[in-house]
Amino acid sequence: MTDLSDAERAGLAAALDQARAAQRDWLRLLDSTTPRPPADDTPEWAWAASLALIRAWRDGAVSTCPHLRIGEPVMILAETPTMLHCRECYRHARATRACLGCGSAAGTRSRFGGVEDLASTEDVSTTSRMLCPACAVNERLGPTSPVGTFGPGR
């Protein structure tokens, strides 16, 4: 490691820190696949997506976006939790996503737009679901206009 520049060493250290944080997250989830801890405030939809991802990982059935780089946060879509997305692909997918509640169009191209709900784990991964305006109102999520942490899909 002596032939690495300071910038390369810093990048490698950052990547290792991300890997350690991801490992802690996954170990926490694996340890809790039996009854869920009562103090866990993870939404049920995000919990289900995480468990589906863990099972797929165990079975070797996880796909990864070709643009995803080491150390970059992983974006997980609740309707397809076995595919890990980079932020840019997540942004592009947002416009055409289906409502996790009823299956109708919920992205920004739907007539009234959709409402996005996010759950993050220690800046390593973000799980996202989209709801159509009707399902969002039923779950009391608030506005019935496109809302998103990273902006609307293009």
C-alpha atoms as a PDB file:
ATOM      1  CA  MET A   1       0.000   0.000   0.000  1.00  0.00           C
ATOM      2  CA  THR A   2       3.040   2.258   0.095  1.00  0.00           C
ATOM      3  CA  ASP A   3       2.861   3.011  -3.631  1.00  0.00           C
ATOM      4  CA  LEU A   4      -0.608   4.630  -3.295  1.00  0.00           C
ATOM      5  CA  SER A   5      -1.045   8.391  -3.354  1.00  0.00           C
ATOM      6  CA  ASP A   6      -2.714  10.202  -0.440  1.00  0.00           C
ATOM      7  CA  ALA A   7      -5.889  10.608  -2.530  1.00  0.00           C
ATOM      8  CA  GLU A   8      -5.945   6.892  -3.375  1.00  0.00           C
ATOM      9  CA  ARG A   9      -5.417   5.982   0.293  1.00  0.00           C
ATOM     10  CA  ALA A  10      -8.250   8.314   1.313  1.00  0.00           C
ATOM     11  CA  GLY A  11     -10.549   6.790  -1.323  1.00  0.00           C
ATOM     12  CA  LEU A  12      -9.704   3.269  -0.205  1.00  0.00           C
ATOM     13  CA  ALA A  13     -10.303   4.189   3.455  1.00  0.00           C
ATOM     14  CA  ALA A  14     -13.692   5.704   2.538  1.00  0.00           C
ATOM     15  CA  ALA A  15     -14.673   2.567   0.585  1.00  0.00           C
ATOM     16  CA  LEU A  16     -13.674   0.340   3.511  1.00  0.00           C
ATOM     17  CA  ASP A  17     -15.703   2.508   5.914  1.00  0.00           C
ATOM     18  CA  GLN A  18     -18.762   2.154   3.627  1.00  0.00           C
ATOM     19  CA  ALA A  19     -18.246  -1.617   3.457  1.00  0.00           C
ATOM     20  CA  ARG A  20     -18.047  -1.842   7.267  1.00  0.00           C
ATOM     21  CA  ALA A  21     -21.220   0.234   7.654  1.00  0.00           C
ATOM     22  CA  ALA A  22     -23.031  -1.937   5.100  1.00  0.00           C
ATOM     23  CA  GLN A  23     -21.862  -5.070   6.897  1.00  0.00           C
ATOM     24  CA  ARG A  24     -23.251  -3.742  10.204  1.00  0.00           C
ATOM     25  CA  ASP A  25     -26.586  -2.991   8.511  1.00  0.00           C
ATOM     26  CA  TRP A  26     -26.853  -6.422   6.920  1.00  0.00           C
ATOM     27  CA  LEU A  27     -25.827  -8.244  10.100  1.00  0.00           C
ATOM     28  CA  ARG A  28     -28.469  -6.302  12.016  1.00  0.00           C
ATOM     29  CA  LEU A  29     -31.099  -7.311   9.450  1.00  0.00           C
ATOM     30  CA  LEU A  30     -29.952 -10.936   9.307  1.00  0.00           C
ATOM     31  CA  ASP A  31     -30.020 -11.185  13.088  1.00  0.00           C
ATOM     32  CA  SER A  32     -33.573  -9.883  13.118  1.00  0.00           C
ATOM     33  CA  THR A  33     -35.198 -12.096  10.469  1.00  0.00           C
ATOM     34  CA  THR A  34     -36.804 -13.944  13.358  1.00  0.00           C
ATOM     35  CA  PRO A  35     -39.382 -11.879  15.249  1.00  0.00           C
ATOM     36  CA  ARG A  36     -38.857  -8.200  14.667  1.00  0.00           C
ATOM     37  CA  PRO A  37     -37.437  -6.199  17.584  1.00  0.00           C
ATOM     38  CA  PRO A  38     -40.232  -4.226  19.280  1.00  0.00           C
ATOM     39  CA  ALA A  39     -38.202  -0.982  19.281  1.00  0.00           C
ATOM     40  CA  ASP A  40     -37.549  -1.105  15.519  1.00  0.00           C
ATOM     41  CA  ASP A  41     -39.394   1.745  13.818  1.00  0.00           C
ATOM     42  CA  THR A  42     -38.663   0.599  10.242  1.00  0.00           C
ATOM     43  CA  PRO A  43     -41.893   0.803   8.208  1.00  0.00           C
ATOM     44  CA  GLU A  44     -43.416  -2.580   7.368  1.00  0.00           C
ATOM     45  CA  TRP A  45     -42.994  -2.059   3.594  1.00  0.00           C
ATOM     46  CA  ALA A  46     -39.270  -1.283   4.024  1.00  0.00           C
ATOM     47  CA  TRP A  47     -38.837  -4.270   6.338  1.00  0.00           C
ATOM     48  CA  ALA A  48     -40.431  -6.566   3.728  1.00  0.00           C
ATOM     49  CA  ALA A  49     -38.192  -5.148   0.970  1.00  0.00           C
ATOM     50  CA  SER A  50     -35.079  -5.639   3.140  1.00  0.00           C
ATOM     51  CA  LEU A  51     -35.976  -9.250   3.913  1.00  0.00           C
ATOM     52  CA  ALA A  52     -36.651  -9.950   0.210  1.00  0.00           C
ATOM     53  CA  LEU A  53     -33.246  -8.471  -0.628  1.00  0.00           C
ATOM     54  CA  ILE A  54     -31.509 -10.580   2.037  1.00  0.00           C
ATOM     55  CA  ARG A  55     -33.181 -13.757   0.776  1.00  0.00           C
ATOM     56  CA  ALA A  56     -32.222 -12.916  -2.823  1.00  0.00           C
ATOM     57  CA  TRP A  57     -28.650 -12.154  -1.713  1.00  0.00           C
ATOM     58  CA  ARG A  58     -28.483 -15.529   0.023  1.00  0.00           C
ATOM     59  CA  ASP A  59     -29.776 -17.236  -3.144  1.00  0.00           C
ATOM     60  CA  GLY A  60     -27.425 -15.323  -5.454  1.00  0.00           C
ATOM     61  CA  ALA A  61     -30.339 -13.575  -7.194  1.00  0.00           C
ATOM     62  CA  VAL A  62     -29.440  -9.908  -6.611  1.00  0.00           C
ATOM     63  CA  SER A  63     -28.839  -7.682  -9.644  1.00  0.00           C
ATOM     64  CA  THR A  64     -26.721  -4.555  -9.483  1.00  0.00           C
ATOM     65  CA  CYS A  65     -26.916  -1.420 -11.586  1.00  0.00           C
ATOM     66  CA  PRO A  66     -23.804  -1.262 -13.802  1.00  0.00           C
ATOM     67  CA  HIS A  67     -23.257   2.373 -12.749  1.00  0.00           C
ATOM     68  CA  LEU A  68     -23.109   1.657  -8.994  1.00  0.00           C
ATOM     69  CA  ARG A  69     -19.675   2.568  -7.604  1.00  0.00           C
ATOM     70  CA  ILE A  70     -17.919   1.445  -4.430  1.00  0.00           C
ATOM     71  CA  GLY A  71     -18.905   3.702  -1.543  1.00  0.00           C
ATOM     72  CA  GLU A  72     -21.984   5.120  -3.276  1.00  0.00           C
ATOM     73  CA  PRO A  73     -25.283   4.762  -1.387  1.00  0.00           C
ATOM     74  CA  VAL A  74     -27.494   2.019  -2.786  1.00  0.00           C
ATOM     75  CA  MET A  75     -31.059   2.806  -3.849  1.00  0.00           C
ATOM     76  CA  ILE A  76     -33.618   0.020  -3.422  1.00  0.00           C
ATOM     77  CA  LEU A  77     -37.086   0.153  -4.980  1.00  0.00           C
ATOM     78  CA  ALA A  78     -39.639  -1.565  -2.747  1.00  0.00           C
ATOM     79  CA  GLU A  79     -41.445  -3.078  -5.731  1.00  0.00           C
ATOM     80  CA  THR A  80     -38.228  -4.685  -7.049  1.00  0.00           C
ATOM     81  CA  PRO A  81     -36.015  -5.126  -3.968  1.00  0.00           C
ATOM     82  CA  THR A  82     -33.646  -7.581  -5.635  1.00  0.00           C
ATOM     83  CA  MET A  83     -32.146  -4.867  -7.881  1.00  0.00           C
ATOM     84  CA  LEU A  84     -29.654  -2.401  -6.404  1.00  0.00           C
ATOM     85  CA  HIS A  85     -29.725   0.979  -8.180  1.00  0.00           C
ATOM     86  CA  CYS A  86     -27.366   3.948  -8.350  1.00  0.00           C
ATOM     87  CA  ARG A  87     -28.953   7.369  -7.665  1.00  0.00           C
ATOM     88  CA  GLU A  88     -29.157   8.334 -11.329  1.00  0.00           C
ATOM     89  CA  CYS A  89     -30.950   5.127 -12.394  1.00  0.00           C
ATOM     90  CA  TYR A  90     -33.239   5.512  -9.379  1.00  0.00           C
ATOM     91  CA  ARG A  91     -34.101   9.043 -10.550  1.00  0.00           C
ATOM     92  CA  HIS A  92     -34.920   7.822 -14.047  1.00  0.00           C
ATOM     93  CA  ALA A  93     -37.036   4.919 -12.754  1.00  0.00           C
ATOM     94  CA  ARG A  94     -39.061   7.199 -10.498  1.00  0.00           C
ATOM     95  CA  ALA A  95     -41.214   8.633 -13.292  1.00  0.00           C
ATOM     96  CA  THR A  96     -42.605   5.267 -14.386  1.00  0.00           C
ATOM     97  CA  ARG A  97     -42.954   3.463 -11.059  1.00  0.00           C
ATOM     98  CA  ALA A  98     -46.135   1.712  -9.959  1.00  0.00           C
ATOM     99  CA  CYS A  99     -47.973   2.315  -6.688  1.00  0.00           C
ATOM    100  CA  LEU A 100     -46.901  -0.221  -4.072  1.00  0.00           C
ATOM    101  CA  GLY A 101     -50.432  -0.090  -2.623  1.00  0.00           C
ATOM    102  CA  CYS A 102     -52.647  -0.750  -5.659  1.00  0.00           C
ATOM    103  CA  GLY A 103     -50.283  -1.233  -8.603  1.00  0.00           C
ATOM    104  CA  SER A 104     -51.539   1.756 -10.606  1.00  0.00           C
ATOM    105  CA  ALA A 105     -49.225   4.388 -12.113  1.00  0.00           C
ATOM    106  CA  ALA A 106     -47.689   6.462  -9.317  1.00  0.00           C
ATOM    107  CA  GLY A 107     -44.648   8.150 -10.816  1.00  0.00           C
ATOM    108  CA  THR A 108     -44.422  11.726 -11.983  1.00  0.00           C
ATOM    109  CA  ARG A 109     -45.836  10.787 -15.395  1.00  0.00           C
ATOM    110  CA  SER A 110     -49.128   9.629 -13.878  1.00  0.00           C
ATOM    111  CA  ARG A 111     -52.008  12.096 -14.112  1.00  0.00           C
ATOM    112  CA  PHE A 112     -51.699  13.454 -10.586  1.00  0.00           C
ATOM    113  CA  GLY A 113     -48.173  12.416  -9.730  1.00  0.00           C
ATOM    114  CA  GLY A 114     -47.210  10.209  -6.836  1.00  0.00           C
ATOM    115  CA  VAL A 115     -46.001  10.458  -3.276  1.00  0.00           C
ATOM    116  CA  GLU A 116     -42.661   8.902  -2.345  1.00  0.00           C
ATOM    117  CA  ASP A 117     -41.868   7.361   1.014  1.00  0.00           C
ATOM    118  CA  LEU A 118     -38.221   6.693   1.965  1.00  0.00           C
ATOM    119  CA  ALA A 119     -36.443   4.635   4.626  1.00  0.00           C
ATOM    120  CA  SER A 120     -32.661   4.954   5.037  1.00  0.00           C
ATOM    121  CA  THR A 121     -30.109   2.863   6.889  1.00  0.00           C
ATOM    122  CA  GLU A 122     -26.988   4.688   8.104  1.00  0.00           C
ATOM    123  CA  ASP A 123     -26.372   6.416   4.723  1.00  0.00           C
ATOM    124  CA  VAL A 124     -25.573   3.050   3.117  1.00  0.00           C
ATOM    125  CA  SER A 125     -28.911   2.308   1.490  1.00  0.00           C
ATOM    126  CA  THR A 126     -32.214   4.034   0.880  1.00  0.00           C
ATOM    127  CA  THR A 127     -35.380   2.049   0.253  1.00  0.00           C
ATOM    128  CA  SER A 128     -38.120   3.858  -1.639  1.00  0.00           C
ATOM    129  CA  ARG A 129     -41.757   3.190  -2.383  1.00  0.00           C
ATOM    130  CA  MET A 130     -44.154   5.175  -4.535  1.00  0.00           C
ATOM    131  CA  LEU A 131     -47.837   5.532  -3.836  1.00  0.00           C
ATOM    132  CA  CYS A 132     -50.569   6.947  -6.038  1.00  0.00           C
ATOM    133  CA  PRO A 133     -52.422   9.950  -4.557  1.00  0.00           C
ATOM    134  CA  ALA A 134     -55.360   7.827  -3.345  1.00  0.00           C
ATOM    135  CA  CYS A 135     -53.173   5.287  -1.511  1.00  0.00           C
ATOM    136  CA  ALA A 136     -51.032   8.099  -0.075  1.00  0.00           C
ATOM    137  CA  VAL A 137     -54.143   9.756   1.362  1.00  0.00           C
ATOM    138  CA  ASN A 138     -55.279   6.400   2.776  1.00  0.00           C
ATOM    139  CA  GLU A 139     -51.924   6.066   4.558  1.00  0.00           C
ATOM    140  CA  ARG A 140     -51.977   9.748   5.620  1.00  0.00           C
ATOM    141  CA  LEU A 141     -48.693  10.527   3.878  1.00  0.00           C
ATOM    142  CA  GLY A 142     -49.721  14.033   2.992  1.00  0.00           C
ATOM    143  CA  PRO A 143     -49.542  15.878  -0.309  1.00  0.00           C
ATOM    144  CA  THR A 144     -50.848  14.374  -3.504  1.00  0.00           C
ATOM    145  CA  SER A 145     -48.223  15.939  -5.727  1.00  0.00           C
ATOM    146  CA  PRO A 146     -44.854  14.536  -6.807  1.00  0.00           C
ATOM    147  CA  VAL A 147     -42.449  14.600  -3.911  1.00  0.00           C
ATOM    148  CA  GLY A 148     -38.921  13.227  -3.901  1.00  0.00           C
ATOM    149  CA  THR A 149     -35.678  13.536  -2.062  1.00  0.00           C
ATOM    150  CA  PHE A 150     -33.643  13.575  -5.268  1.00  0.00           C
ATOM    151  CA  GLY A 151     -36.074  15.442  -7.516  1.00  0.00           C
ATOM    152  CA  PRO A 152     -38.575  14.203 -10.079  1.00  0.00           C
ATOM    153  CA  GLY A 153     -37.691  11.635 -12.708  1.00  0.00           C
ATOM    154  CA  ARG A 154     -36.934  12.897 -16.180  1.00  0.00           C
END
